[in-house]
Each structure stands twice: as structure tokens, then as C-alpha cells.
Amino acid sequence: MVMKLFMEIKNIFADLASTLILGKNKDAANLAIILSEKTKALAEELGK
């Protein structure tokens, strides 16, 4: 489960970077929210 979350976070970072480069700030904000949720889930999983 932890490895899956790491991979998802890595992919979200890549999407976020390309979205910011393209200047799509609204899309970037949505990705940032998703990234926050995934990192919270990862922290909870690692805290077990």
C-alpha cells in the first residue's frame, strides 16, 4: 500500500509540474488538493 501511494504521489508531482509550466493554475490547484490528500493518506499509513 505504501509503495502504491508513493507512486501515485510521484505521478501527481509530475502532473502538477507540467500543469504549472503550462500556466493552468486552476488545474494545478485541483492537483495540489489531491496531492495533499494522498500525502495525508501516506502519513497515516506510515504511522501505523
N, C-alpha and C. Protein backbone atom coordinates (compact mmCIF):
# COMPACT_ATOMS: atom_id res chain seq x y z
N MET A 1 0.82 -1.19 0.00
CA MET A 1 0.00 0.00 0.00
C MET A 1 0.87 1.26 0.00
N VAL A 2 1.93 1.24 0.80
CA VAL A 2 2.81 2.41 0.89
C VAL A 2 3.47 2.69 -0.46
N MET A 3 3.94 1.64 -1.11
CA MET A 3 4.60 1.83 -2.41
C MET A 3 3.62 2.39 -3.44
N LYS A 4 2.39 1.93 -3.39
CA LYS A 4 1.36 2.44 -4.32
C LYS A 4 1.14 3.93 -4.09
N LEU A 5 1.07 4.35 -2.82
CA LEU A 5 0.89 5.76 -2.52
C LEU A 5 2.08 6.59 -2.99
N PHE A 6 3.30 6.08 -2.79
CA PHE A 6 4.48 6.78 -3.28
C PHE A 6 4.42 6.98 -4.80
N MET A 7 4.02 5.95 -5.51
CA MET A 7 3.94 6.05 -6.97
C MET A 7 2.87 7.05 -7.39
N GLU A 8 1.73 7.03 -6.72
CA GLU A 8 0.67 7.99 -7.04
C GLU A 8 1.13 9.41 -6.78
N ILE A 9 1.82 9.63 -5.67
CA ILE A 9 2.32 10.96 -5.33
C ILE A 9 3.34 11.42 -6.36
N LYS A 10 4.22 10.52 -6.76
CA LYS A 10 5.22 10.86 -7.78
C LYS A 10 4.53 11.31 -9.08
N ASN A 11 3.51 10.59 -9.48
CA ASN A 11 2.79 10.93 -10.71
C ASN A 11 2.04 12.26 -10.57
N ILE A 12 1.50 12.51 -9.39
CA ILE A 12 0.79 13.78 -9.18
C ILE A 12 1.78 14.94 -9.23
N PHE A 13 2.98 14.77 -8.65
CA PHE A 13 4.00 15.81 -8.73
C PHE A 13 4.37 16.11 -10.19
N ALA A 14 4.50 15.07 -11.00
CA ALA A 14 4.83 15.27 -12.40
C ALA A 14 3.70 16.02 -13.11
N ASP A 15 2.47 15.62 -12.86
CA ASP A 15 1.32 16.30 -13.46
C ASP A 15 1.25 17.75 -13.00
N LEU A 16 1.51 17.97 -11.71
CA LEU A 16 1.46 19.32 -11.16
C LEU A 16 2.52 20.21 -11.80
N ALA A 17 3.72 19.69 -11.96
CA ALA A 17 4.80 20.47 -12.57
C ALA A 17 4.46 20.85 -14.01
N SER A 18 3.97 19.89 -14.79
CA SER A 18 3.65 20.20 -16.18
C SER A 18 2.46 21.16 -16.27
N THR A 19 1.52 21.02 -15.36
CA THR A 19 0.36 21.92 -15.35
C THR A 19 0.78 23.35 -15.02
N LEU A 20 1.68 23.49 -14.05
CA LEU A 20 2.17 24.83 -13.70
C LEU A 20 2.98 25.43 -14.84
N ILE A 21 3.78 24.62 -15.51
CA ILE A 21 4.57 25.12 -16.64
C ILE A 21 3.66 25.64 -17.74
N LEU A 22 2.54 24.96 -17.94
CA LEU A 22 1.59 25.37 -18.97
C LEU A 22 0.70 26.54 -18.53
N GLY A 23 0.79 26.92 -17.26
CA GLY A 23 0.04 28.06 -16.76
C GLY A 23 -1.42 27.77 -16.45
N LYS A 24 -1.74 26.52 -16.24
CA LYS A 24 -3.12 26.15 -15.92
C LYS A 24 -3.29 26.13 -14.40
N ASN A 25 -3.42 27.31 -13.83
CA ASN A 25 -3.42 27.45 -12.37
C ASN A 25 -4.62 26.78 -11.71
N LYS A 26 -5.78 26.84 -12.34
CA LYS A 26 -6.97 26.22 -11.74
C LYS A 26 -6.78 24.70 -11.66
N ASP A 27 -6.26 24.11 -12.73
CA ASP A 27 -5.98 22.67 -12.73
C ASP A 27 -4.90 22.34 -11.70
N ALA A 28 -3.92 23.21 -11.57
CA ALA A 28 -2.84 22.99 -10.61
C ALA A 28 -3.39 23.01 -9.18
N ALA A 29 -4.34 23.87 -8.92
CA ALA A 29 -4.94 23.93 -7.58
C ALA A 29 -5.65 22.62 -7.26
N ASN A 30 -6.35 22.07 -8.22
CA ASN A 30 -7.03 20.79 -8.01
C ASN A 30 -6.01 19.68 -7.76
N LEU A 31 -4.93 19.67 -8.50
CA LEU A 31 -3.89 18.67 -8.29
C LEU A 31 -3.24 18.83 -6.92
N ALA A 32 -3.08 20.06 -6.48
CA ALA A 32 -2.49 20.29 -5.15
C ALA A 32 -3.39 19.73 -4.06
N ILE A 33 -4.69 19.84 -4.23
CA ILE A 33 -5.63 19.28 -3.25
C ILE A 33 -5.51 17.76 -3.22
N ILE A 34 -5.44 17.16 -4.40
CA ILE A 34 -5.30 15.70 -4.49
C ILE A 34 -3.98 15.27 -3.86
N LEU A 35 -2.92 16.01 -4.13
CA LEU A 35 -1.61 15.72 -3.57
C LEU A 35 -1.66 15.77 -2.04
N SER A 36 -2.34 16.76 -1.52
CA SER A 36 -2.48 16.88 -0.06
C SER A 36 -3.19 15.67 0.53
N GLU A 37 -4.25 15.23 -0.12
CA GLU A 37 -4.99 14.07 0.37
C GLU A 37 -4.14 12.80 0.33
N LYS A 38 -3.38 12.64 -0.75
CA LYS A 38 -2.53 11.45 -0.88
C LYS A 38 -1.40 11.45 0.13
N THR A 39 -0.80 12.61 0.39
CA THR A 39 0.29 12.65 1.36
C THR A 39 -0.24 12.43 2.77
N LYS A 40 -1.46 12.90 3.04
CA LYS A 40 -2.07 12.62 4.33
C LYS A 40 -2.30 11.11 4.50
N ALA A 41 -2.80 10.46 3.44
CA ALA A 41 -3.02 9.01 3.48
C ALA A 41 -1.70 8.27 3.69
N LEU A 42 -0.64 8.75 3.03
CA LEU A 42 0.67 8.12 3.19
C LEU A 42 1.17 8.29 4.62
N ALA A 43 1.01 9.47 5.18
CA ALA A 43 1.45 9.70 6.56
C ALA A 43 0.70 8.79 7.53
N GLU A 44 -0.60 8.64 7.31
CA GLU A 44 -1.39 7.75 8.17
C GLU A 44 -0.94 6.32 8.04
N GLU A 45 -0.64 5.91 6.81
CA GLU A 45 -0.20 4.52 6.57
C GLU A 45 1.16 4.27 7.21
N LEU A 46 2.06 5.25 7.12
CA LEU A 46 3.38 5.10 7.72
C LEU A 46 3.32 5.16 9.24
N GLY A 47 2.29 5.82 9.77
CA GLY A 47 2.14 5.95 11.21
C GLY A 47 1.60 4.70 11.88
N LYS A 48 1.17 3.74 11.11
CA LYS A 48 0.60 2.51 11.67
C LYS A 48 1.68 1.62 12.25
